[in-house]
Amino acid sequence: MLLLIFKLLIAYLLGSIVGSLVLGRLHGVDIRQQGSGNAGGTNALRTRGWRFALGVVIIDIGKGALAAWIGLLPFGANVTAETLYLHALACVLCATIGHVWPLYFGFAGGKGVATVAGALLVVLPLAVAPLLLLWLLVIGVSGYVGLASISVAIALPLVSWWLAPIAQRSDVLLFAVSIAVLLLFTHRANLQRLFAGTENRFERARVLTRWRRA
């Protein structure tokens, strides 16, 4: 139990290293005061440019993968592979919570999508391709990044259950539902704007819609 608590603490502290806020401090800006006010990659791209946004995404994906990897480490303890996998899933959830409510930045962070993506590369790599394809498809048709992330959150439990190891499907499903609920919560403002018709559209990303009209 002490090993798990130690891992969860590390995962939360890793999650609290929010890429846009760390890089923003280095540049003397707080991205939460610009654009949509969100500390994520989309707002970073719109307000600070692609280089800044790329750095944000690398940090956020990297810390998610690192948190999952730490969960898999036995640290000398005599534990089974199945137990370590559960540790990794729990660490992913804690890292995502850290990203949303970061200790170092007044508990006001981002929405957690990139952190979850990085973690999935470690704990459920086969799920990354279909979820990424869905994300790109929704953006390519609608131009709404928020809608794409919401779609991925909704699809995550089904895809995870389908691709999870049979012996741990129930654990993976519980993890995926927890992550999906958290992502839907962090995107609640996007949902409100979508229903109100006021959500920001990323027109340049609507490549599928433009191709269909051509």
Protein backbone atom coordinates (compact mmCIF):
# COMPACT_ATOMS: atom_id res chain seq x y z
CA MET A 1 0.00 0.00 0.00
CA LEU A 2 2.83 2.40 0.83
CA LEU A 3 4.35 1.70 -2.60
CA LEU A 4 1.08 2.60 -4.32
CA ILE A 5 0.64 5.79 -2.26
CA PHE A 6 4.20 6.83 -3.12
CA LYS A 7 3.57 6.25 -6.81
CA LEU A 8 0.27 8.14 -6.76
CA LEU A 9 1.93 11.13 -5.09
CA ILE A 10 4.69 11.19 -7.70
CA ALA A 11 2.11 10.89 -10.48
CA TYR A 12 0.07 13.80 -9.14
CA LEU A 13 3.17 15.99 -8.79
CA LEU A 14 4.20 15.08 -12.35
CA GLY A 15 0.73 15.93 -13.58
CA SER A 16 0.99 19.31 -11.90
CA ILE A 17 3.81 20.24 -14.31
CA VAL A 18 1.48 21.84 -16.85
CA GLY A 19 3.34 22.43 -20.10
CA SER A 20 1.73 25.71 -21.09
CA LEU A 21 2.17 27.21 -17.64
CA VAL A 22 5.79 26.11 -17.28
CA LEU A 23 6.72 27.46 -20.71
CA GLY A 24 4.59 30.53 -20.09
CA ARG A 25 6.60 31.39 -17.01
CA LEU A 26 9.80 31.07 -19.02
CA HIS A 27 8.32 33.55 -21.54
CA GLY A 28 6.89 35.84 -18.87
CA VAL A 29 3.23 35.14 -19.74
CA ASP A 30 0.30 33.32 -18.18
CA ILE A 31 -1.65 31.62 -20.96
CA ARG A 32 -4.68 31.52 -18.68
CA GLN A 33 -4.89 35.28 -19.23
CA GLN A 34 -4.96 34.93 -23.02
CA GLY A 35 -7.37 33.60 -25.62
CA SER A 36 -9.88 31.15 -24.20
CA GLY A 37 -8.09 31.13 -20.86
CA ASN A 38 -7.42 27.39 -21.05
CA ALA A 39 -3.96 26.07 -20.24
CA GLY A 40 -3.93 23.59 -23.11
CA GLY A 41 -2.32 23.03 -26.48
CA THR A 42 -5.15 24.52 -28.57
CA ASN A 43 -5.12 27.84 -26.74
CA ALA A 44 -1.32 27.78 -26.83
CA LEU A 45 -1.40 27.37 -30.62
CA ARG A 46 -3.90 30.18 -31.10
CA THR A 47 -2.20 32.66 -28.79
CA ARG A 48 1.52 31.78 -28.82
CA GLY A 49 2.17 29.96 -32.10
CA TRP A 50 3.01 26.41 -33.15
CA ARG A 51 6.47 26.22 -31.56
CA PHE A 52 5.12 27.09 -28.13
CA ALA A 53 2.18 24.72 -28.63
CA LEU A 54 4.48 21.89 -29.70
CA GLY A 55 6.49 22.29 -26.51
CA VAL A 56 3.28 22.23 -24.49
CA VAL A 57 2.09 19.01 -26.13
CA ILE A 58 5.47 17.29 -25.72
CA ILE A 59 5.57 18.09 -22.00
CA ASP A 60 1.97 17.06 -21.36
CA ILE A 61 2.19 13.83 -23.35
CA GLY A 62 5.57 13.03 -21.85
CA LYS A 63 4.47 13.42 -18.26
CA GLY A 64 1.44 11.18 -18.87
CA ALA A 65 3.68 8.46 -20.27
CA LEU A 66 6.16 8.90 -17.43
CA ALA A 67 3.45 8.66 -14.78
CA ALA A 68 2.17 5.41 -16.30
CA TRP A 69 5.71 4.03 -16.50
CA ILE A 70 6.34 4.85 -12.84
CA GLY A 71 3.18 2.93 -11.98
CA LEU A 72 4.63 -0.16 -13.64
CA LEU A 73 7.88 -0.04 -11.62
CA PRO A 74 8.11 -2.58 -8.77
CA PHE A 75 10.70 -0.51 -6.82
CA GLY A 76 12.01 -3.75 -5.36
CA ALA A 77 8.64 -4.86 -4.01
CA ASN A 78 7.37 -8.39 -4.61
CA VAL A 79 4.22 -7.62 -6.61
CA THR A 80 2.62 -9.27 -9.62
CA ALA A 81 2.47 -7.82 -13.13
CA GLU A 82 -1.30 -7.53 -12.80
CA THR A 83 -0.93 -5.44 -9.64
CA LEU A 84 1.64 -3.19 -11.28
CA TYR A 85 -0.73 -2.64 -14.20
CA LEU A 86 -3.40 -1.50 -11.74
CA HIS A 87 -0.81 0.82 -10.20
CA ALA A 88 -0.17 2.29 -13.63
CA LEU A 89 -3.86 2.92 -14.27
CA ALA A 90 -4.21 4.63 -10.90
CA CYS A 91 -1.13 6.74 -11.60
CA VAL A 92 -2.60 7.87 -14.92
CA LEU A 93 -5.74 9.05 -13.15
CA CYS A 94 -3.68 10.92 -10.54
CA ALA A 95 -1.49 12.54 -13.21
CA THR A 96 -4.58 13.71 -15.07
CA ILE A 97 -6.05 15.12 -11.86
CA GLY A 98 -2.73 16.89 -11.30
CA HIS A 99 -2.92 18.43 -14.76
CA VAL A 100 -6.46 19.68 -14.17
CA TRP A 101 -5.77 20.86 -10.62
CA PRO A 102 -1.99 21.47 -10.48
CA LEU A 103 -0.38 22.02 -7.10
CA TYR A 104 2.19 24.46 -8.50
CA PHE A 105 -0.27 26.74 -10.31
CA GLY A 106 -3.09 27.47 -7.90
CA PHE A 107 -5.05 24.32 -8.83
CA ALA A 108 -6.09 25.86 -12.18
CA GLY A 109 -4.70 23.85 -15.08
CA GLY A 110 -5.74 22.32 -18.39
CA LYS A 111 -8.23 19.73 -19.56
CA GLY A 112 -6.08 16.61 -19.52
CA VAL A 113 -6.38 15.23 -23.06
CA ALA A 114 -2.68 15.25 -23.93
CA THR A 115 -1.76 13.76 -20.55
CA VAL A 116 -4.20 10.89 -21.08
CA ALA A 117 -2.89 10.37 -24.62
CA GLY A 118 0.67 10.01 -23.36
CA ALA A 119 -0.41 7.58 -20.66
CA LEU A 120 -2.33 5.42 -23.13
CA LEU A 121 0.87 4.97 -25.12
CA VAL A 122 2.14 3.00 -22.11
CA VAL A 123 -0.90 1.30 -20.56
CA LEU A 124 -3.03 0.66 -23.66
CA PRO A 125 -1.05 1.50 -26.82
CA LEU A 126 -3.45 -0.26 -29.20
CA ALA A 127 -6.17 2.24 -28.24
CA VAL A 128 -4.15 5.27 -29.36
CA ALA A 129 -4.57 4.80 -33.13
CA PRO A 130 -8.39 4.48 -33.25
CA LEU A 131 -8.88 7.30 -30.74
CA LEU A 132 -6.47 9.56 -32.63
CA LEU A 133 -8.23 8.74 -35.88
CA LEU A 134 -11.58 9.66 -34.31
CA TRP A 135 -10.12 12.91 -32.96
CA LEU A 136 -8.71 13.89 -36.36
CA LEU A 137 -11.93 12.89 -38.15
CA VAL A 138 -14.13 15.06 -35.92
CA ILE A 139 -11.77 18.03 -36.26
CA GLY A 140 -11.44 17.54 -39.99
CA VAL A 141 -15.22 17.63 -40.45
CA SER A 142 -16.34 20.11 -37.78
CA GLY A 143 -13.30 22.22 -36.92
CA TYR A 144 -14.22 21.95 -33.23
CA VAL A 145 -11.27 20.74 -31.15
CA GLY A 146 -13.44 20.57 -28.05
CA LEU A 147 -15.98 18.37 -29.81
CA ALA A 148 -13.19 16.07 -30.97
CA SER A 149 -11.92 15.69 -27.41
CA ILE A 150 -15.44 15.07 -26.12
CA SER A 151 -15.95 12.40 -28.79
CA VAL A 152 -12.74 10.67 -27.73
CA ALA A 153 -13.80 10.78 -24.08
CA ILE A 154 -17.12 9.12 -24.95
CA ALA A 155 -15.41 6.47 -27.09
CA LEU A 156 -12.65 5.73 -24.59
CA PRO A 157 -14.52 3.20 -22.38
CA LEU A 158 -15.69 1.14 -25.37
CA VAL A 159 -12.32 1.15 -27.12
CA SER A 160 -10.48 0.38 -23.87
CA TRP A 161 -12.76 -2.52 -23.00
CA TRP A 162 -12.41 -3.93 -26.50
CA LEU A 163 -8.59 -3.80 -26.52
CA ALA A 164 -7.83 -4.49 -22.85
CA PRO A 165 -6.32 -7.78 -21.68
CA ILE A 166 -9.25 -10.14 -21.07
CA ALA A 167 -8.23 -10.84 -17.48
CA GLN A 168 -8.26 -7.12 -16.62
CA ARG A 169 -11.15 -5.83 -18.70
CA SER A 170 -13.23 -4.82 -15.68
CA ASP A 171 -10.33 -2.84 -14.19
CA VAL A 172 -9.55 -1.13 -17.49
CA LEU A 173 -13.22 -0.32 -18.01
CA LEU A 174 -13.46 1.30 -14.57
CA PHE A 175 -10.32 3.30 -15.32
CA ALA A 176 -11.60 4.38 -18.75
CA VAL A 177 -15.00 5.44 -17.39
CA SER A 178 -13.29 7.48 -14.65
CA ILE A 179 -11.05 9.21 -17.20
CA ALA A 180 -14.00 9.82 -19.55
CA VAL A 181 -16.06 11.42 -16.77
CA LEU A 182 -13.11 13.65 -15.83
CA LEU A 183 -12.55 14.73 -19.45
CA LEU A 184 -16.25 15.47 -19.95
CA PHE A 185 -16.16 17.54 -16.77
CA THR A 186 -13.17 19.56 -17.96
CA HIS A 187 -14.92 20.15 -21.30
CA ARG A 188 -18.25 21.21 -19.78
CA ALA A 189 -17.77 24.80 -20.97
CA ASN A 190 -17.15 23.51 -24.51
CA LEU A 191 -20.39 21.54 -24.33
CA GLN A 192 -22.29 24.64 -23.22
CA ARG A 193 -20.82 26.70 -26.06
CA LEU A 194 -21.54 23.96 -28.60
CA PHE A 195 -25.20 23.88 -27.59
CA ALA A 196 -25.31 27.67 -27.63
CA GLY A 197 -23.59 27.86 -31.02
CA THR A 198 -20.76 30.03 -29.69
CA GLU A 199 -17.89 27.52 -29.66
CA ASN A 200 -14.70 28.65 -31.39
CA ARG A 201 -14.17 26.81 -34.67
CA PHE A 202 -10.69 26.03 -35.98
CA GLU A 203 -11.46 26.65 -39.65
CA ARG A 204 -8.04 25.70 -40.96
CA ALA A 205 -8.50 22.20 -39.52
CA ARG A 206 -11.70 21.51 -41.51
CA VAL A 207 -9.77 19.80 -44.28
CA LEU A 208 -12.32 17.03 -44.81
CA THR A 209 -15.19 19.49 -45.21
CA ARG A 210 -13.23 21.55 -47.74
CA TRP A 211 -12.18 18.41 -49.64
CA ARG A 212 -15.79 17.25 -49.85
CA ARG A 213 -16.89 20.62 -51.25
CA ALA A 214 -14.07 20.74 -53.80
